[in-house]
């Protein structure tokens, strides 16, 4: 399976709507034109002043045909968005100053105008867009903050996390060579509860992005208690228990060492009877150190392609970009995020 082609095929079929908050960033404008040309989303919205977006498009020699431009300050939605944001943040206090974070509706409207990430996230929350992608200019922390404050996490979860889609180009691994690695970019030291949330979210990512039923392995340096009662082992063990409680029908096992999870002959020795034997397509790392190191080792040593980080665990899909991304990178991330939004009934 060519993962990128499959994501574009599905995005074109689903025809979900997309908002790009960094509407005056030149790579984003170029990417928006490509998305329209490839018919991956409808509509595609850029946030920013019309004259500023048009200036960038002219400089990059791209057409804005089929692209919607919204200036948050002049939007017909601003009143409703301000009221909704005030309702969401009413009573919240600024930790630095002790003052109310949003004292009234007008201040909420002012914030929506000032922060296009939050305006874009509100578009997703309020059903004006199905997905949002940003990060060519803004920091990951800013996107996560907007997503958590405005969109929130999925029902039954308190954790936003990430995954990478790893294309090993070897059909003997995962689902036709594709695997989900999680979490490799967001939660540094997950608790047991967070590990359970991550496992359930990664399983959904497996279904949405790989089109496969997940078989989840929660990794550790220990297999089935071989590491004794060390705190990291106990954290994963409890995470496994909680994940089973959250999703009792999910095919999941742990704690497992990497070889016990991936090599059937080792599974038979270290975890005989494991339900994920020879089936694992989704790997949950015990912390960000392991996850980041693990995906980069596979990427470099196995010459695998790594797509992501793809954000997961939100109530509705948003995605982050590397600030060094190309316009083509943005197109691929948008296609993935549009697929996460699902097929409309």
Protein backbone atom coordinates (compact mmCIF):
# COMPACT_ATOMS: atom_id res chain seq x y z
CA UNK A 1 0.00 0.00 0.00
CA UNK A 2 1.27 3.49 -0.88
CA UNK A 3 0.21 5.33 2.26
CA UNK A 4 0.22 8.84 0.82
CA UNK A 5 -1.76 7.84 -2.26
CA UNK A 6 -4.26 6.01 -0.06
CA UNK A 7 -4.74 9.04 2.19
CA UNK A 8 -5.29 11.27 -0.84
CA UNK A 9 -7.72 8.77 -2.33
CA UNK A 10 -9.76 8.64 0.85
CA UNK A 11 -9.65 12.41 1.37
CA UNK A 12 -10.92 12.91 -2.17
CA UNK A 13 -13.71 10.42 -1.53
CA UNK A 14 -14.71 11.88 1.86
CA UNK A 15 -14.71 15.55 0.73
CA UNK A 16 -14.38 16.96 4.24
CA UNK A 17 -13.84 20.67 4.83
CA UNK A 18 -10.51 22.14 5.94
CA UNK A 19 -9.36 25.31 7.67
CA UNK A 20 -5.76 26.52 7.54
CA UNK A 21 -5.31 29.27 10.18
CA UNK A 22 -1.91 30.42 8.89
CA UNK A 23 -3.55 31.85 5.80
CA UNK A 24 -0.87 34.38 4.92
CA UNK A 25 2.05 31.93 5.19
CA UNK A 26 3.36 31.30 1.67
CA UNK A 27 3.80 27.49 1.87
CA UNK A 28 0.30 27.24 3.29
CA UNK A 29 -1.19 29.29 0.47
CA UNK A 30 0.59 27.15 -2.11
CA UNK A 31 -0.58 23.98 -0.34
CA UNK A 32 -4.18 25.23 -0.26
CA UNK A 33 -4.08 25.69 -4.03
CA UNK A 34 -2.71 22.16 -4.47
CA UNK A 35 -5.41 20.71 -2.20
CA UNK A 36 -8.10 22.39 -4.29
CA UNK A 37 -6.45 21.24 -7.53
CA UNK A 38 -6.32 17.65 -6.27
CA UNK A 39 -9.91 17.91 -4.92
CA UNK A 40 -8.89 16.66 -1.48
CA UNK A 41 -11.24 18.91 0.52
CA UNK A 42 -14.28 21.10 0.08
CA UNK A 43 -14.23 23.86 1.02
CA UNK A 44 -10.66 24.91 1.83
CA UNK A 45 -10.52 28.00 4.06
CA UNK A 46 -7.56 30.30 4.70
CA UNK A 47 -7.71 32.68 7.67
CA UNK A 48 -6.39 36.19 7.21
CA UNK A 49 -7.13 39.54 5.65
CA UNK A 50 -8.18 39.10 2.01
CA UNK A 51 -5.65 41.58 0.66
CA UNK A 52 -2.80 39.92 2.58
CA UNK A 53 -3.69 36.44 1.33
CA UNK A 54 -4.05 37.73 -2.24
CA UNK A 55 -0.64 39.41 -2.00
CA UNK A 56 1.00 36.11 -1.04
CA UNK A 57 -0.85 34.21 -3.76
CA UNK A 58 0.25 36.72 -6.38
CA UNK A 59 3.87 36.54 -5.21
CA UNK A 60 3.80 32.72 -5.41
CA UNK A 61 1.86 32.75 -8.70
CA UNK A 62 -0.94 30.52 -7.44
CA UNK A 63 -4.68 30.76 -7.97
CA UNK A 64 -7.11 31.29 -5.12
CA UNK A 65 -9.99 29.90 -7.15
CA UNK A 66 -12.04 27.55 -4.99
CA UNK A 67 -10.45 28.82 -1.76
CA UNK A 68 -12.48 30.64 0.90
CA UNK A 69 -10.75 33.50 2.74
CA UNK A 70 -12.06 34.51 6.16
CA UNK A 71 -10.85 37.48 8.17
CA UNK A 72 -11.75 36.60 11.78
CA UNK A 73 -12.22 40.28 12.65
CA UNK A 74 -14.93 40.63 9.97
CA UNK A 75 -16.47 37.16 10.25
CA UNK A 76 -20.22 36.75 10.63
CA UNK A 77 -19.41 33.96 13.10
CA UNK A 78 -17.42 36.13 15.50
CA UNK A 79 -20.29 36.87 17.89
CA UNK A 80 -21.25 33.20 18.20
CA UNK A 81 -17.61 32.14 18.52
CA UNK A 82 -17.01 34.72 21.25
CA UNK A 83 -20.05 33.56 23.22
CA UNK A 84 -19.00 29.93 22.90
CA UNK A 85 -15.42 30.64 23.96
CA UNK A 86 -16.62 32.67 26.95
CA UNK A 87 -18.87 29.78 27.97
CA UNK A 88 -15.96 27.34 27.68
CA UNK A 89 -13.50 29.48 29.66
CA UNK A 90 -15.82 31.25 32.10
CA UNK A 91 -14.39 31.07 35.62
CA UNK A 92 -10.91 30.05 34.44
CA UNK A 93 -8.08 32.07 36.00
CA UNK A 94 -4.79 33.18 34.46
CA UNK A 95 -2.21 31.28 36.52
CA UNK A 96 0.37 34.05 36.20
CA UNK A 97 -1.79 37.04 37.08
CA UNK A 98 -4.67 35.50 39.02
CA UNK A 99 -7.09 37.51 36.87
CA UNK A 100 -10.00 35.94 34.98
CA UNK A 101 -8.76 34.42 31.74
CA UNK A 102 -11.78 35.66 29.81
CA UNK A 103 -13.73 38.25 31.85
CA UNK A 104 -16.54 38.80 29.35
CA UNK A 105 -17.81 37.99 25.85
CA UNK A 106 -16.09 40.99 24.29
CA UNK A 107 -12.70 39.86 25.58
CA UNK A 108 -13.45 36.38 24.17
CA UNK A 109 -14.20 37.94 20.77
CA UNK A 110 -11.00 39.98 20.95
CA UNK A 111 -9.06 36.81 21.70
CA UNK A 112 -10.65 34.98 18.75
CA UNK A 113 -9.52 37.79 16.44
CA UNK A 114 -6.01 37.85 17.91
CA UNK A 115 -5.48 34.09 17.86
CA UNK A 116 -6.26 32.48 14.47
CA UNK A 117 -5.47 29.01 15.87
CA UNK A 118 -8.32 29.35 18.34
CA UNK A 119 -10.63 30.80 15.67
CA UNK A 120 -9.81 27.85 13.41
CA UNK A 121 -10.32 25.40 16.26
CA UNK A 122 -13.69 27.04 16.97
CA UNK A 123 -14.63 26.54 13.32
CA UNK A 124 -14.00 22.83 13.84
CA UNK A 125 -15.86 22.77 17.16
CA UNK A 126 -18.88 24.56 15.71
CA UNK A 127 -19.05 22.45 12.55
CA UNK A 128 -17.84 25.16 10.17
CA UNK A 129 -14.87 22.94 9.24
CA UNK A 130 -14.16 19.24 9.65
CA UNK A 131 -10.40 19.50 10.22
CA UNK A 132 -7.64 22.01 10.95
CA UNK A 133 -3.92 21.97 10.17
CA UNK A 134 -1.30 24.50 11.28
CA UNK A 135 2.29 24.73 12.46
CA UNK A 136 4.25 26.17 9.54
CA UNK A 137 4.60 29.31 11.65
CA UNK A 138 3.26 28.46 15.11
CA UNK A 139 4.67 26.26 17.85
CA UNK A 140 3.21 22.85 18.64
CA UNK A 141 2.40 24.04 22.16
CA UNK A 142 0.21 26.82 20.75
CA UNK A 143 -1.76 24.39 18.59
CA UNK A 144 -2.19 21.94 21.47
CA UNK A 145 -3.36 24.76 23.74
CA UNK A 146 -5.95 25.93 21.21
CA UNK A 147 -7.10 22.38 20.57
CA UNK A 148 -7.47 21.48 24.23
CA UNK A 149 -9.22 24.72 25.20
CA UNK A 150 -11.61 24.87 22.26
CA UNK A 151 -12.11 21.34 20.90
CA UNK A 152 -11.22 19.24 23.93
CA UNK A 153 -10.40 15.56 24.11
CA UNK A 154 -12.46 12.68 22.80
CA UNK A 155 -15.24 11.28 25.00
CA UNK A 156 -13.83 8.97 27.65
CA UNK A 157 -10.31 10.39 27.33
CA UNK A 158 -8.39 13.15 29.09
CA UNK A 159 -5.24 12.83 26.96
CA UNK A 160 -4.16 14.40 23.70
CA UNK A 161 -1.27 12.50 22.15
CA UNK A 162 0.32 11.67 18.82
CA UNK A 163 1.30 8.84 16.56
CA UNK A 164 3.55 8.24 13.61
CA UNK A 165 2.56 6.08 10.69
CA UNK A 166 5.65 4.02 9.91
CA UNK A 167 5.94 2.58 6.43
CA UNK A 168 8.55 -0.17 6.65
CA UNK A 169 8.15 -1.20 3.00
CA UNK A 170 8.12 -4.78 4.25
CA UNK A 171 4.75 -6.52 4.24
CA UNK A 172 5.85 -8.91 6.98
CA UNK A 173 5.45 -6.10 9.53
CA UNK A 174 2.16 -4.69 10.76
CA UNK A 175 -0.55 -4.11 8.17
CA UNK A 176 0.98 -4.43 4.72
CA UNK A 177 4.21 -2.93 6.07
CA UNK A 178 2.48 -0.08 7.90
CA UNK A 179 2.53 0.38 11.68
CA UNK A 180 1.32 2.92 14.24
CA UNK A 181 3.92 4.13 16.78
CA UNK A 182 2.59 6.12 19.75
CA UNK A 183 3.21 8.42 21.59
CA UNK A 184 6.36 9.87 20.04
CA UNK A 185 5.82 13.62 20.32
CA UNK A 186 3.47 14.92 23.02
CA UNK A 187 3.35 13.32 26.51
CA UNK A 188 6.84 13.10 28.10
CA UNK A 189 6.12 10.77 31.05
CA UNK A 190 2.62 9.32 30.73
CA UNK A 191 0.83 8.01 33.77
CA UNK A 192 -0.98 4.68 33.65
CA UNK A 193 -4.21 6.52 32.85
CA UNK A 194 -2.55 8.44 30.05
CA UNK A 195 -0.98 5.27 28.62
CA UNK A 196 -4.44 3.72 28.50
CA UNK A 197 -5.83 6.78 26.72
CA UNK A 198 -2.91 6.72 24.28
CA UNK A 199 -3.46 3.04 23.53
CA UNK A 200 -7.17 3.54 22.78
CA UNK A 201 -6.45 6.63 20.64
CA UNK A 202 -3.69 4.84 18.73
CA UNK A 203 -6.05 1.95 18.04
CA UNK A 204 -8.49 4.43 16.50
CA UNK A 205 -5.64 5.89 14.44
CA UNK A 206 -4.88 2.39 13.19
CA UNK A 207 -8.48 1.93 12.06
CA UNK A 208 -8.77 5.39 10.52
CA UNK A 209 -5.40 5.60 8.80
CA UNK A 210 -4.40 2.01 8.05
CA UNK A 211 -7.90 0.66 7.50
CA UNK A 212 -6.99 -2.29 9.72
CA UNK A 213 -8.24 -3.74 12.98
CA UNK A 214 -5.66 -2.78 15.62
CA UNK A 215 -3.48 -5.28 17.43
CA UNK A 216 -1.82 -3.25 20.17
CA UNK A 217 1.37 -3.99 22.08
CA UNK A 218 2.23 -1.87 25.12
CA UNK A 219 6.00 -1.95 25.39
CA UNK A 220 8.39 -2.03 28.33
CA UNK A 221 11.87 -3.31 29.17
CA UNK A 222 9.91 -6.08 30.92
CA UNK A 223 7.69 -8.88 29.64
CA UNK A 224 4.91 -10.14 31.90
CA UNK A 225 6.68 -9.20 35.11
CA UNK A 226 10.23 -10.15 34.15
CA UNK A 227 11.39 -6.68 35.18
CA UNK A 228 10.16 -7.12 38.72
CA UNK A 229 8.34 -4.34 40.52
CA UNK A 230 10.26 -1.40 39.09
CA UNK A 231 8.06 1.70 38.88
CA UNK A 232 8.17 1.98 35.04
CA UNK A 233 7.02 -1.64 34.76
CA UNK A 234 4.16 -1.15 37.19
CA UNK A 235 3.05 1.96 35.27
CA UNK A 236 2.75 -0.01 32.04
CA UNK A 237 1.08 -2.95 33.74
CA UNK A 238 -1.56 -0.66 35.22
CA UNK A 239 -1.91 1.07 31.83
CA UNK A 240 -2.64 -2.30 30.22
CA UNK A 241 -5.30 -3.03 32.83
CA UNK A 242 -6.96 0.35 32.34
CA UNK A 243 -6.84 0.06 28.56
CA UNK A 244 -8.65 -3.28 28.76
CA UNK A 245 -11.28 -1.63 30.95
CA UNK A 246 -11.70 1.29 28.55
CA UNK A 247 -11.88 -0.89 25.44
CA UNK A 248 -12.64 -4.50 26.43
CA UNK A 249 -12.98 -5.63 22.80
CA UNK A 250 -9.61 -4.20 21.78
CA UNK A 251 -6.92 -6.73 20.86
CA UNK A 252 -4.16 -5.59 23.21
CA UNK A 253 -1.40 -7.09 25.32
CA UNK A 254 1.41 -5.95 27.59
CA UNK A 255 3.69 -5.34 29.17
CA UNK A 256 5.91 -6.69 26.39
CA UNK A 257 9.49 -6.22 25.34
CA UNK A 258 9.84 -5.22 21.70
CA UNK A 259 11.03 -8.62 20.54
CA UNK A 260 8.27 -10.38 22.47
CA UNK A 261 5.74 -8.13 20.75
CA UNK A 262 7.08 -8.47 17.22
CA UNK A 263 8.77 -11.86 16.79
CA UNK A 264 6.37 -14.84 17.16
CA UNK A 265 9.10 -17.26 18.21
CA UNK A 266 10.12 -14.88 21.01
CA UNK A 267 6.49 -14.29 21.94
CA UNK A 268 6.09 -18.04 22.41
CA UNK A 269 8.99 -18.08 24.86
CA UNK A 270 8.34 -14.87 26.78
CA UNK A 271 4.57 -14.41 26.54
CA UNK A 272 3.06 -17.75 25.53
CA UNK A 273 -0.58 -17.47 24.57
CA UNK A 274 -0.40 -13.73 23.86
CA UNK A 275 -3.45 -12.70 21.80
CA UNK A 276 -1.36 -10.32 19.67
CA UNK A 277 1.20 -12.96 18.63
CA UNK A 278 2.22 -12.29 15.01
CA UNK A 279 -0.43 -9.58 14.63
CA UNK A 280 0.99 -6.38 16.14
CA UNK A 281 0.41 -3.28 14.03
CA UNK A 282 0.20 -0.68 16.82
CA UNK A 283 2.97 -0.05 19.34
CA UNK A 284 2.62 1.99 22.53
CA UNK A 285 5.89 3.24 23.99
CA UNK A 286 6.20 3.71 27.77
CA UNK A 287 7.37 7.33 27.48
CA UNK A 288 8.48 10.01 25.04
CA UNK A 289 12.17 9.10 25.33
CA UNK A 290 11.47 5.58 24.11
CA UNK A 291 8.95 6.69 21.49
CA UNK A 292 11.09 9.38 19.89
CA UNK A 293 14.20 7.19 19.88
CA UNK A 294 12.26 4.18 18.64
CA UNK A 295 10.63 5.77 15.62
CA UNK A 296 13.85 7.49 14.55
CA UNK A 297 15.86 4.27 14.81
CA UNK A 298 13.33 2.45 12.62
CA UNK A 299 13.19 5.38 10.21
CA UNK A 300 16.98 5.55 9.76
CA UNK A 301 18.16 1.96 10.18
CA UNK A 302 15.26 0.27 8.39
CA UNK A 303 14.88 3.08 5.83
CA UNK A 304 11.23 3.41 6.81
CA UNK A 305 9.10 6.44 6.01
CA UNK A 306 7.70 8.20 9.07
CA UNK A 307 4.50 10.22 8.62
CA UNK A 308 3.63 12.50 11.49
CA UNK A 309 3.38 13.37 14.21
CA UNK A 310 -0.34 12.91 13.72
CA UNK A 311 -2.31 14.27 16.65
CA UNK A 312 -4.88 11.97 18.22
CA UNK A 313 -7.17 11.93 21.22
CA UNK A 314 -8.98 15.17 20.33
CA UNK A 315 -12.75 15.26 19.95
CA UNK A 316 -12.25 16.43 16.36
CA UNK A 317 -9.15 16.26 14.15
CA UNK A 318 -6.39 18.84 14.16
CA UNK A 319 -2.80 18.38 13.07
CA UNK A 320 0.57 20.01 13.58
CA UNK A 321 3.30 20.76 11.05
CA UNK A 322 7.05 21.06 11.29
CA UNK A 323 8.10 24.67 10.84
CA UNK A 324 10.52 23.41 8.21
CA UNK A 325 7.75 21.77 6.18
CA UNK A 326 7.31 22.10 2.43
CA UNK A 327 4.02 22.81 0.70
CA UNK A 328 3.88 19.13 -0.29
CA UNK A 329 4.35 18.14 3.37
CA UNK A 330 1.37 20.33 4.24
CA UNK A 331 -0.74 18.65 1.56
CA UNK A 332 0.05 15.19 2.94
CA UNK A 333 -0.68 16.22 6.54
CA UNK A 334 -3.95 17.78 5.42
CA UNK A 335 -4.94 14.60 3.60
CA UNK A 336 -4.25 12.52 6.73
CA UNK A 337 -6.23 14.91 8.93
CA UNK A 338 -9.15 14.99 6.51
CA UNK A 339 -9.24 11.19 6.61
CA UNK A 340 -9.25 11.32 10.43
CA UNK A 341 -12.45 13.35 10.18
CA UNK A 342 -14.13 10.27 8.72
CA UNK A 343 -16.59 9.62 5.94
CA UNK A 344 -19.82 11.56 6.12
CA UNK A 345 -22.99 9.50 6.21
